[in-house]
PDB file of all heavy atoms in Angstrom:
ATOM      1  N   PHE A   1     103.143 100.350 106.931  1.00  0.00           N
ATOM      2  CA  PHE A   1     102.594 101.312 105.986  1.00  0.00           C
ATOM      3  C   PHE A   1     102.284 102.637 106.674  1.00  0.00           C
ATOM      4  O   PHE A   1     102.104 102.701 107.899  1.00  0.00           O
ATOM      5  CB  PHE A   1     101.345 100.767 105.286  1.00  0.00           C
ATOM      6  CG  PHE A   1     100.236 100.317 106.197  1.00  0.00           C
ATOM      7  CD1 PHE A   1      99.202 101.168 106.537  1.00  0.00           C
ATOM      8  CD2 PHE A   1     100.217  99.023 106.708  1.00  0.00           C
ATOM      9  CE1 PHE A   1      98.166 100.764 107.351  1.00  0.00           C
ATOM     10  CE2 PHE A   1      99.187  98.601 107.539  1.00  0.00           C
ATOM     11  CZ  PHE A   1      98.159  99.465 107.860  1.00  0.00           C
ATOM     12  N   VAL A   2     102.286 103.699 105.871  1.00  0.00           N
ATOM     13  CA  VAL A   2     101.989 105.049 106.366  1.00  0.00           C
ATOM     14  C   VAL A   2     100.947 105.705 105.467  1.00  0.00           C
ATOM     15  O   VAL A   2     100.923 105.494 104.251  1.00  0.00           O
ATOM     16  CB  VAL A   2     103.255 105.938 106.422  1.00  0.00           C
ATOM     17  CG1 VAL A   2     104.230 105.433 107.461  1.00  0.00           C
ATOM     18  CG2 VAL A   2     103.914 106.034 105.056  1.00  0.00           C
ATOM     19  N   LEU A   3     100.076 106.489 106.096  1.00  0.00           N
ATOM     20  CA  LEU A   3      99.105 107.308 105.395  1.00  0.00           C
ATOM     21  C   LEU A   3      99.292 108.745 105.879  1.00  0.00           C
ATOM     22  O   LEU A   3      99.474 108.974 107.079  1.00  0.00           O
ATOM     23  CB  LEU A   3      97.667 106.880 105.693  1.00  0.00           C
ATOM     24  CG  LEU A   3      97.162 105.518 105.218  1.00  0.00           C
ATOM     25  CD1 LEU A   3      97.696 104.397 106.086  1.00  0.00           C
ATOM     26  CD2 LEU A   3      95.630 105.489 105.234  1.00  0.00           C
ATOM     27  N   VAL A   4      99.245 109.700 104.958  1.00  0.00           N
ATOM     28  CA  VAL A   4      99.363 111.118 105.303  1.00  0.00           C
ATOM     29  C   VAL A   4      98.134 111.840 104.774  1.00  0.00           C
ATOM     30  O   VAL A   4      97.737 111.657 103.615  1.00  0.00           O
ATOM     31  CB  VAL A   4     100.650 111.730 104.719  1.00  0.00           C
ATOM     32  CG1 VAL A   4     100.729 113.218 105.057  1.00  0.00           C
ATOM     33  CG2 VAL A   4     101.880 110.998 105.243  1.00  0.00           C
ATOM     34  N   HIS A   5      97.545 112.681 105.641  1.00  0.00           N
ATOM     35  CA  HIS A   5      96.359 113.443 105.248  1.00  0.00           C
ATOM     36  C   HIS A   5      96.313 114.737 106.062  1.00  0.00           C
ATOM     37  O   HIS A   5      96.847 114.797 107.170  1.00  0.00           O
ATOM     38  CB  HIS A   5      95.092 112.623 105.483  1.00  0.00           C
ATOM     39  CG  HIS A   5      93.888 113.144 104.761  1.00  0.00           C
ATOM     40  ND1 HIS A   5      93.014 114.049 105.324  1.00  0.00           N
ATOM     41  CD2 HIS A   5      93.420 112.885 103.507  1.00  0.00           C
ATOM     42  CE1 HIS A   5      92.065 114.322 104.447  1.00  0.00           C
ATOM     43  NE2 HIS A   5      92.273 113.632 103.339  1.00  0.00           N
ATOM     44  N   GLU A   6      95.671 115.753 105.519  1.00  0.00           N
ATOM     45  CA  GLU A   6      95.610 117.041 106.225  1.00  0.00           C
ATOM     46  C   GLU A   6      94.650 117.022 107.419  1.00  0.00           C
ATOM     47  O   GLU A   6      94.720 117.890 108.290  1.00  0.00           O
ATOM     48  CB  GLU A   6      95.214 118.163 105.268  1.00  0.00           C
ATOM     49  CG  GLU A   6      93.870 118.004 104.591  1.00  0.00           C
ATOM     50  CD  GLU A   6      93.951 117.265 103.265  1.00  0.00           C
ATOM     51  OE1 GLU A   6      94.945 116.531 103.042  1.00  0.00           O
ATOM     52  OE2 GLU A   6      93.029 117.434 102.441  1.00  0.00           O
ATOM     53  N   SER A   7      93.753 116.017 107.476  1.00  0.00           N
ATOM     54  CA  SER A   7      92.750 115.959 108.548  1.00  0.00           C
ATOM     55  C   SER A   7      93.017 114.792 109.488  1.00  0.00           C
ATOM     56  O   SER A   7      93.056 113.633 109.053  1.00  0.00           O
ATOM     57  CB  SER A   7      91.343 115.826 107.949  1.00  0.00           C
ATOM     58  OG  SER A   7      90.396 115.535 108.941  1.00  0.00           O
ATOM     59  N   LYS A   8      93.156 115.094 110.776  1.00  0.00           N
ATOM     60  CA  LYS A   8      93.320 114.041 111.776  1.00  0.00           C
ATOM     61  C   LYS A   8      92.041 113.212 111.905  1.00  0.00           C
ATOM     62  O   LYS A   8      92.092 111.976 112.061  1.00  0.00           O
ATOM     63  CB  LYS A   8      93.685 114.649 113.125  1.00  0.00           C
ATOM     64  CG  LYS A   8      93.908 113.613 114.218  1.00  0.00           C
ATOM     65  CD  LYS A   8      94.254 114.254 115.544  1.00  0.00           C
ATOM     66  CE  LYS A   8      94.489 113.199 116.634  1.00  0.00           C
ATOM     67  NZ  LYS A   8      94.809 113.816 117.944  1.00  0.00           N
ATOM     68  N   GLU A   9      90.888 113.883 111.845  1.00  0.00           N
ATOM     69  CA  GLU A   9      89.608 113.195 111.984  1.00  0.00           C
ATOM     70  C   GLU A   9      89.413 112.171 110.867  1.00  0.00           C
ATOM     71  O   GLU A   9      88.902 111.067 111.104  1.00  0.00           O
ATOM     72  CB  GLU A   9      88.450 114.208 111.974  1.00  0.00           C
ATOM     73  CG  GLU A   9      88.343 115.077 113.210  1.00  0.00           C
ATOM     74  CD  GLU A   9      89.451 116.131 113.274  1.00  0.00           C
ATOM     75  OE1 GLU A   9      90.015 116.471 112.197  1.00  0.00           O
ATOM     76  OE2 GLU A   9      89.749 116.610 114.386  1.00  0.00           O
ATOM     77  N   TYR A  10      89.844 112.529 109.659  1.00  0.00           N
ATOM     78  CA  TYR A  10      89.682 111.581 108.555  1.00  0.00           C
ATOM     79  C   TYR A  10      90.611 110.376 108.721  1.00  0.00           C
ATOM     80  O   TYR A  10      90.228 109.247 108.412  1.00  0.00           O
ATOM     81  CB  TYR A  10      89.952 112.261 107.212  1.00  0.00           C
ATOM     82  CG  TYR A  10      89.620 111.354 106.041  1.00  0.00           C
ATOM     83  CD1 TYR A  10      88.296 111.048 105.744  1.00  0.00           C
ATOM     84  CD2 TYR A  10      90.624 110.793 105.272  1.00  0.00           C
ATOM     85  CE1 TYR A  10      87.976 110.203 104.691  1.00  0.00           C
ATOM     86  CE2 TYR A  10      90.325 109.944 104.214  1.00  0.00           C
ATOM     87  CZ  TYR A  10      89.001 109.654 103.935  1.00  0.00           C
ATOM     88  OH  TYR A  10      88.679 108.801 102.909  1.00  0.00           O
ATOM     89  N   LEU A  11      91.826 110.602 109.224  1.00  0.00           N
ATOM     90  CA  LEU A  11      92.732 109.478 109.470  1.00  0.00           C
ATOM     91  C   LEU A  11      92.194 108.573 110.572  1.00  0.00           C
ATOM     92  O   LEU A  11      92.393 107.350 110.532  1.00  0.00           O
ATOM     93  CB  LEU A  11      94.130 109.990 109.836  1.00  0.00           C
ATOM     94  CG  LEU A  11      94.989 110.516 108.682  1.00  0.00           C
ATOM     95  CD1 LEU A  11      96.364 110.928 109.186  1.00  0.00           C
ATOM     96  CD2 LEU A  11      95.137 109.471 107.573  1.00  0.00           C
ATOM     97  N   GLU A  12      91.530 109.154 111.563  1.00  0.00           N
ATOM     98  CA  GLU A  12      90.906 108.331 112.608  1.00  0.00           C
ATOM     99  C   GLU A  12      89.796 107.463 112.005  1.00  0.00           C
ATOM    100  O   GLU A  12      89.637 106.295 112.386  1.00  0.00           O
ATOM    101  CB  GLU A  12      90.340 109.233 113.707  1.00  0.00           C
ATOM    102  CG  GLU A  12      91.419 109.893 114.562  1.00  0.00           C
ATOM    103  CD  GLU A  12      90.853 110.909 115.530  1.00  0.00           C
ATOM    104  OE1 GLU A  12      89.682 111.332 115.338  1.00  0.00           O
ATOM    105  OE2 GLU A  12      91.572 111.282 116.485  1.00  0.00           O
ATOM    106  N   TYR A  13      89.049 108.035 111.079  1.00  0.00           N
ATOM    107  CA  TYR A  13      88.028 107.260 110.364  1.00  0.00           C
ATOM    108  C   TYR A  13      88.689 106.141 109.541  1.00  0.00           C
ATOM    109  O   TYR A  13      88.212 104.990 109.531  1.00  0.00           O
ATOM    110  CB  TYR A  13      87.217 108.184 109.462  1.00  0.00           C
ATOM    111  CG  TYR A  13      86.396 107.463 108.419  1.00  0.00           C
ATOM    112  CD1 TYR A  13      85.208 106.816 108.753  1.00  0.00           C
ATOM    113  CD2 TYR A  13      86.822 107.431 107.082  1.00  0.00           C
ATOM    114  CE1 TYR A  13      84.475 106.143 107.792  1.00  0.00           C
ATOM    115  CE2 TYR A  13      86.084 106.770 106.113  1.00  0.00           C
ATOM    116  CZ  TYR A  13      84.909 106.125 106.482  1.00  0.00           C
ATOM    117  OH  TYR A  13      84.186 105.454 105.531  1.00  0.00           O
ATOM    118  N   CYS A  14      89.789 106.473 108.862  1.00  0.00           N
ATOM    119  CA  CYS A  14      90.523 105.482 108.068  1.00  0.00           C
ATOM    120  C   CYS A  14      91.029 104.339 108.947  1.00  0.00           C
ATOM    121  O   CYS A  14      90.988 103.167 108.554  1.00  0.00           O
ATOM    122  CB  CYS A  14      91.699 106.134 107.347  1.00  0.00           C
ATOM    123  SG  CYS A  14      91.231 107.275 106.033  1.00  0.00           S
ATOM    124  N   LEU A  15      91.509 104.688 110.120  1.00  0.00           N
ATOM    125  CA  LEU A  15      92.025 103.679 111.044  1.00  0.00           C
ATOM    126  C   LEU A  15      90.941 102.678 111.414  1.00  0.00           C
ATOM    127  O   LEU A  15      91.183 101.460 111.433  1.00  0.00           O
ATOM    128  CB  LEU A  15      92.582 104.362 112.296  1.00  0.00           C
ATOM    129  CG  LEU A  15      93.128 103.446 113.402  1.00  0.00           C
ATOM    130  CD1 LEU A  15      94.242 102.565 112.862  1.00  0.00           C
ATOM    131  CD2 LEU A  15      93.626 104.279 114.576  1.00  0.00           C
ATOM    132  N   VAL A  16      89.747 103.169 111.703  1.00  0.00           N
ATOM    133  CA  VAL A  16      88.624 102.284 112.035  1.00  0.00           C
ATOM    134  C   VAL A  16      88.281 101.383 110.855  1.00  0.00           C
ATOM    135  O   VAL A  16      88.059 100.169 111.019  1.00  0.00           O
ATOM    136  CB  VAL A  16      87.391 103.113 112.458  1.00  0.00           C
ATOM    137  CG1 VAL A  16      86.176 102.203 112.640  1.00  0.00           C
ATOM    138  CG2 VAL A  16      87.684 103.879 113.741  1.00  0.00           C
ATOM    139  N   GLU A  17      88.252 101.939 109.660  1.00  0.00           N
ATOM    140  CA  GLU A  17      87.915 101.161 108.464  1.00  0.00           C
ATOM    141  C   GLU A  17      88.985 100.113 108.157  1.00  0.00           C
ATOM    142  O   GLU A  17      88.666  98.991 107.749  1.00  0.00           O
ATOM    143  CB  GLU A  17      87.735 102.097 107.269  1.00  0.00           C
ATOM    144  CG  GLU A  17      86.529 103.007 107.370  1.00  0.00           C
ATOM    145  CD  GLU A  17      85.230 102.233 107.459  1.00  0.00           C
ATOM    146  OE1 GLU A  17      85.012 101.349 106.608  1.00  0.00           O
ATOM    147  OE2 GLU A  17      84.450 102.506 108.392  1.00  0.00           O
ATOM    148  N   ILE A  18      90.235 100.466 108.350  1.00  0.00           N
ATOM    149  CA  ILE A  18      91.335  99.518 108.114  1.00  0.00           C
ATOM    150  C   ILE A  18      91.257  98.364 109.109  1.00  0.00           C
ATOM    151  O   ILE A  18      91.471  97.196 108.750  1.00  0.00           O
ATOM    152  CB  ILE A  18      92.692 100.237 108.208  1.00  0.00           C
ATOM    153  CG1 ILE A  18      92.879 101.173 107.013  1.00  0.00           C
ATOM    154  CG2 ILE A  18      93.844  99.236 108.264  1.00  0.00           C
ATOM    155  CD1 ILE A  18      94.071 102.102 107.123  1.00  0.00           C
ATOM    156  N   GLU A  19      90.951  98.675 110.366  1.00  0.00           N
ATOM    157  CA  GLU A  19      90.818  97.615 111.372  1.00  0.00           C
ATOM    158  C   GLU A  19      89.689  96.653 111.014  1.00  0.00           C
ATOM    159  O   GLU A  19      89.823  95.437 111.182  1.00  0.00           O
ATOM    160  CB  GLU A  19      90.580  98.239 112.748  1.00  0.00           C
ATOM    161  CG  GLU A  19      91.820  98.891 113.336  1.00  0.00           C
ATOM    162  CD  GLU A  19      91.549  99.595 114.649  1.00  0.00           C
ATOM    163  OE1 GLU A  19      90.388 100.019 114.871  1.00  0.00           O
ATOM    164  OE2 GLU A  19      92.488  99.717 115.462  1.00  0.00           O
ATOM    165  N   LYS A  20      88.563  97.186 110.511  1.00  0.00           N
ATOM    166  CA  LYS A  20      87.463  96.332 110.071  1.00  0.00           C
ATOM    167  C   LYS A  20      87.895  95.452 108.903  1.00  0.00           C
ATOM    168  O   LYS A  20      87.575  94.259 108.845  1.00  0.00           O
ATOM    169  CB  LYS A  20      86.262  97.196 109.650  1.00  0.00           C
ATOM    170  CG  LYS A  20      85.557  97.901 110.780  1.00  0.00           C
ATOM    171  CD  LYS A  20      84.405  98.739 110.222  1.00  0.00           C
ATOM    172  CE  LYS A  20      83.703  99.536 111.310  1.00  0.00           C
ATOM    173  NZ  LYS A  20      82.624 100.393 110.748  1.00  0.00           N
ATOM    174  N   PHE A  21      88.610  96.061 107.961  1.00  0.00           N
ATOM    175  CA  PHE A  21      89.071  95.336 106.776  1.00  0.00           C
ATOM    176  C   PHE A  21      89.990  94.182 107.173  1.00  0.00           C
ATOM    177  O   PHE A  21      89.874  93.068 106.658  1.00  0.00           O
ATOM    178  CB  PHE A  21      89.803  96.308 105.849  1.00  0.00           C
ATOM    179  CG  PHE A  21      90.147  95.741 104.503  1.00  0.00           C
ATOM    180  CD1 PHE A  21      89.274  95.878 103.440  1.00  0.00           C
ATOM    181  CD2 PHE A  21      91.345  95.067 104.299  1.00  0.00           C
ATOM    182  CE1 PHE A  21      89.589  95.358 102.191  1.00  0.00           C
ATOM    183  CE2 PHE A  21      91.670  94.545 103.063  1.00  0.00           C
ATOM    184  CZ  PHE A  21      90.785  94.685 101.999  1.00  0.00           C
ATOM    185  N   LEU A  22      90.912  94.442 108.093  1.00  0.00           N
ATOM    186  CA  LEU A  22      91.854  93.414 108.524  1.00  0.00           C
ATOM    187  C   LEU A  22      91.170  92.327 109.346  1.00  0.00           C
ATOM    188  O   LEU A  22      91.559  91.149 109.276  1.00  0.00           O
ATOM    189  CB  LEU A  22      92.985  94.053 109.329  1.00  0.00           C
ATOM    190  CG  LEU A  22      93.932  94.968 108.553  1.00  0.00           C
ATOM    191  CD1 LEU A  22      94.906  95.654 109.496  1.00  0.00           C
ATOM    192  CD2 LEU A  22      94.704  94.191 107.486  1.00  0.00           C
ATOM    193  N   LYS A  23      90.188  92.709 110.132  1.00  0.00           N
ATOM    194  CA  LYS A  23      89.484  91.735 110.963  1.00  0.00           C
ATOM    195  C   LYS A  23      88.811  90.669 110.110  1.00  0.00           C
ATOM    196  O   LYS A  23      88.749  89.493 110.501  1.00  0.00           O
ATOM    197  CB  LYS A  23      88.446  92.450 111.832  1.00  0.00           C
ATOM    198  CG  LYS A  23      87.817  91.548 112.889  1.00  0.00           C
ATOM    199  CD  LYS A  23      86.890  92.339 113.798  1.00  0.00           C
ATOM    200  CE  LYS A  23      86.288  91.430 114.874  1.00  0.00           C
ATOM    201  NZ  LYS A  23      85.376  92.187 115.773  1.00  0.00           N
ATOM    202  N   GLU A  24      88.315  91.049 108.943  1.00  0.00           N
ATOM    203  CA  GLU A  24      87.709  90.083 108.025  1.00  0.00           C
ATOM    204  C   GLU A  24      88.728  89.055 107.555  1.00  0.00           C
ATOM    205  O   GLU A  24      88.349  87.936 107.192  1.00  0.00           O
ATOM    206  CB  GLU A  24      87.114  90.812 106.818  1.00  0.00           C
ATOM    207  CG  GLU A  24      85.939  91.712 107.160  1.00  0.00           C
ATOM    208  CD  GLU A  24      85.468  92.514 105.960  1.00  0.00           C
ATOM    209  OE1 GLU A  24      86.098  92.381 104.875  1.00  0.00           O
ATOM    210  OE2 GLU A  24      84.492  93.267 106.089  1.00  0.00           O
ATOM    211  N   ARG A  25      89.992  89.430 107.568  1.00  0.00           N
ATOM    212  CA  ARG A  25      91.070  88.520 107.166  1.00  0.00           C
ATOM    213  C   ARG A  25      91.818  87.962 108.370  1.00  0.00           C
ATOM    214  O   ARG A  25      92.908  87.429 108.242  1.00  0.00           O
ATOM    215  CB  ARG A  25      92.029  89.256 106.219  1.00  0.00           C
ATOM    216  CG  ARG A  25      91.404  89.482 104.849  1.00  0.00           C
ATOM    217  CD  ARG A  25      91.955  90.692 104.138  1.00  0.00           C
ATOM    218  NE  ARG A  25      91.309  90.850 102.837  1.00  0.00           N
ATOM    219  CZ  ARG A  25      90.093  91.399 102.673  1.00  0.00           C
ATOM    220  NH1 ARG A  25      89.416  91.818 103.723  1.00  0.00           N
ATOM    221  NH2 ARG A  25      89.562  91.496 101.460  1.00  0.00           N
ATOM    222  N   LYS A  26      91.220  88.120 109.544  1.00  0.00           N
ATOM    223  CA  LYS A  26      91.723  87.569 110.805  1.00  0.00           C
ATOM    224  C   LYS A  26      93.111  88.105 111.143  1.00  0.00           C
ATOM    225  O   LYS A  26      93.978  87.379 111.645  1.00  0.00           O
ATOM    226  CB  LYS A  26      91.714  86.040 110.749  1.00  0.00           C
ATOM    227  CG  LYS A  26      90.314  85.502 110.517  1.00  0.00           C
ATOM    228  CD  LYS A  26      90.250  84.022 110.357  1.00  0.00           C
ATOM    229  CE  LYS A  26      88.808  83.594 110.075  1.00  0.00           C
ATOM    230  NZ  LYS A  26      88.688  82.145 109.866  1.00  0.00           N
ATOM    231  N   LEU A  27      93.311  89.391 110.843  1.00  0.00           N
ATOM    232  CA  LEU A  27      94.542  90.085 111.179  1.00  0.00           C
ATOM    233  C   LEU A  27      94.192  91.293 112.044  1.00  0.00           C
ATOM    234  O   LEU A  27      93.033  91.702 112.121  1.00  0.00           O
ATOM    235  CB  LEU A  27      95.273  90.548 109.914  1.00  0.00           C
ATOM    236  CG  LEU A  27      95.768  89.461 108.958  1.00  0.00           C
ATOM    237  CD1 LEU A  27      96.237  90.083 107.645  1.00  0.00           C
ATOM    238  CD2 LEU A  27      96.886  88.634 109.583  1.00  0.00           C
ATOM    239  N   SER A  28      95.202  91.865 112.679  1.00  0.00           N
ATOM    240  CA  SER A  28      94.978  93.052 113.517  1.00  0.00           C
ATOM    241  C   SER A  28      96.190  93.965 113.440  1.00  0.00           C
ATOM    242  O   SER A  28      97.293  93.537 113.083  1.00  0.00           O
ATOM    243  CB  SER A  28      94.723  92.646 114.971  1.00  0.00           C
ATOM    244  OG  SER A  28      95.837  91.967 115.512  1.00  0.00           O
ATOM    245  N   LEU A  29      95.979  95.225 113.788  1.00  0.00           N
ATOM    246  CA  LEU A  29      97.057  96.205 113.789  1.00  0.00           C
ATOM    247  C   LEU A  29      97.863  96.112 115.081  1.00  0.00           C
ATOM    248  O   LEU A  29      97.357  95.718 116.134  1.00  0.00           O
ATOM    249  CB  LEU A  29      96.499  97.615 113.635  1.00  0.00           C
ATOM    250  CG  LEU A  29      95.903  97.983 112.283  1.00  0.00           C
ATOM    251  CD1 LEU A  29      95.280  99.364 112.344  1.00  0.00           C
ATOM    252  CD2 LEU A  29      96.950  97.914 111.178  1.00  0.00           C
ATOM    253  N   ASN A  30      99.123  96.491 114.973  1.00  0.00           N
ATOM    254  CA  ASN A  30      99.982  96.567 116.147  1.00  0.00           C
ATOM    255  C   ASN A  30      99.431  97.616 117.120  1.00  0.00           C
ATOM    256  O   ASN A  30      99.014  98.693 116.702  1.00  0.00           O
ATOM    257  CB  ASN A  30     101.397  96.960 115.707  1.00  0.00           C
ATOM    258  CG  ASN A  30     102.422  96.780 116.798  1.00  0.00           C
ATOM    259  OD1 ASN A  30     102.240  97.223 117.917  1.00  0.00           O
ATOM    260  ND2 ASN A  30     103.521  96.125 116.471  1.00  0.00           N
ATOM    261  N   PRO A  31      99.425  97.300 118.432  1.00  0.00           N
ATOM    262  CA  PRO A  31      98.932  98.286 119.415  1.00  0.00           C
ATOM    263  C   PRO A  31      99.678  99.626 119.366  1.00  0.00           C
ATOM    264  O   PRO A  31      99.153 100.647 119.817  1.00  0.00           O
ATOM    265  CB  PRO A  31      99.161  97.584 120.759  1.00  0.00           C
ATOM    266  CG  PRO A  31      99.163  96.126 120.430  1.00  0.00           C
ATOM    267  CD  PRO A  31      99.766  96.018 119.073  1.00  0.00           C
ATOM    268  N   LYS A  32     100.906  99.623 118.818  1.00  0.00           N
ATOM    269  CA  LYS A  32     101.688 100.859 118.739  1.00  0.00           C
ATOM    270  C   LYS A  32     101.231 101.775 117.603  1.00  0.00           C
ATOM    271  O   LYS A  32     101.741 102.897 117.467  1.00  0.00           O
ATOM    272  CB  LYS A  32     103.176 100.530 118.555  1.00  0.00           C
ATOM    273  CG  LYS A  32     103.806  99.821 119.750  1.00  0.00           C
ATOM    274  CD  LYS A  32     105.277  99.561 119.510  1.00  0.00           C
ATOM    275  CE  LYS A  32     105.918  98.854 120.703  1.00  0.00           C
ATOM    276  NZ  LYS A  32     107.356  98.578 120.478  1.00  0.00           N
ATOM    277  N   THR A  33     100.299 101.308 116.787  1.00  0.00           N
ATOM    278  CA  THR A  33      99.767 102.138 115.703  1.00  0.00           C
ATOM    279  C   THR A  33      99.238 103.456 116.260  1.00  0.00           C
ATOM    280  O   THR A  33      98.511 103.473 117.253  1.00  0.00           O
ATOM    281  CB  THR A  33      98.636 101.394 114.977  1.00  0.00           C
ATOM    282  OG1 THR A  33      99.174 100.213 114.369  1.00  0.00           O
ATOM    283  CG2 THR A  33      98.016 102.272 113.900  1.00  0.00           C
ATOM    284  N   ASP A  34      99.630 104.564 115.616  1.00  0.00           N
ATOM    285  CA  ASP A  34      99.277 105.872 116.174  1.00  0.00           C
ATOM    286  C   ASP A  34      99.149 106.909 115.060  1.00  0.00           C
ATOM    287  O   ASP A  34      99.631 106.711 113.934  1.00  0.00           O
ATOM    288  CB  ASP A  34     100.337 106.310 117.185  1.00  0.00           C
ATOM    289  CG  ASP A  34      99.845 107.410 118.109  1.00  0.00           C
ATOM    290  OD1 ASP A  34      98.644 107.742 118.048  1.00  0.00           O
ATOM    291  OD2 ASP A  34     100.667 107.947 118.870  1.00  0.00           O
TER     292      ASP A  34
END
């Protein structure tokens, strides 16, 4: 999946929230996520 936004800081916040969301389901993001 891809997300596009005008703010890098907001995408960094989104990344943290997505990781928390996935952790609850015992999943994780690929280390290559950038």
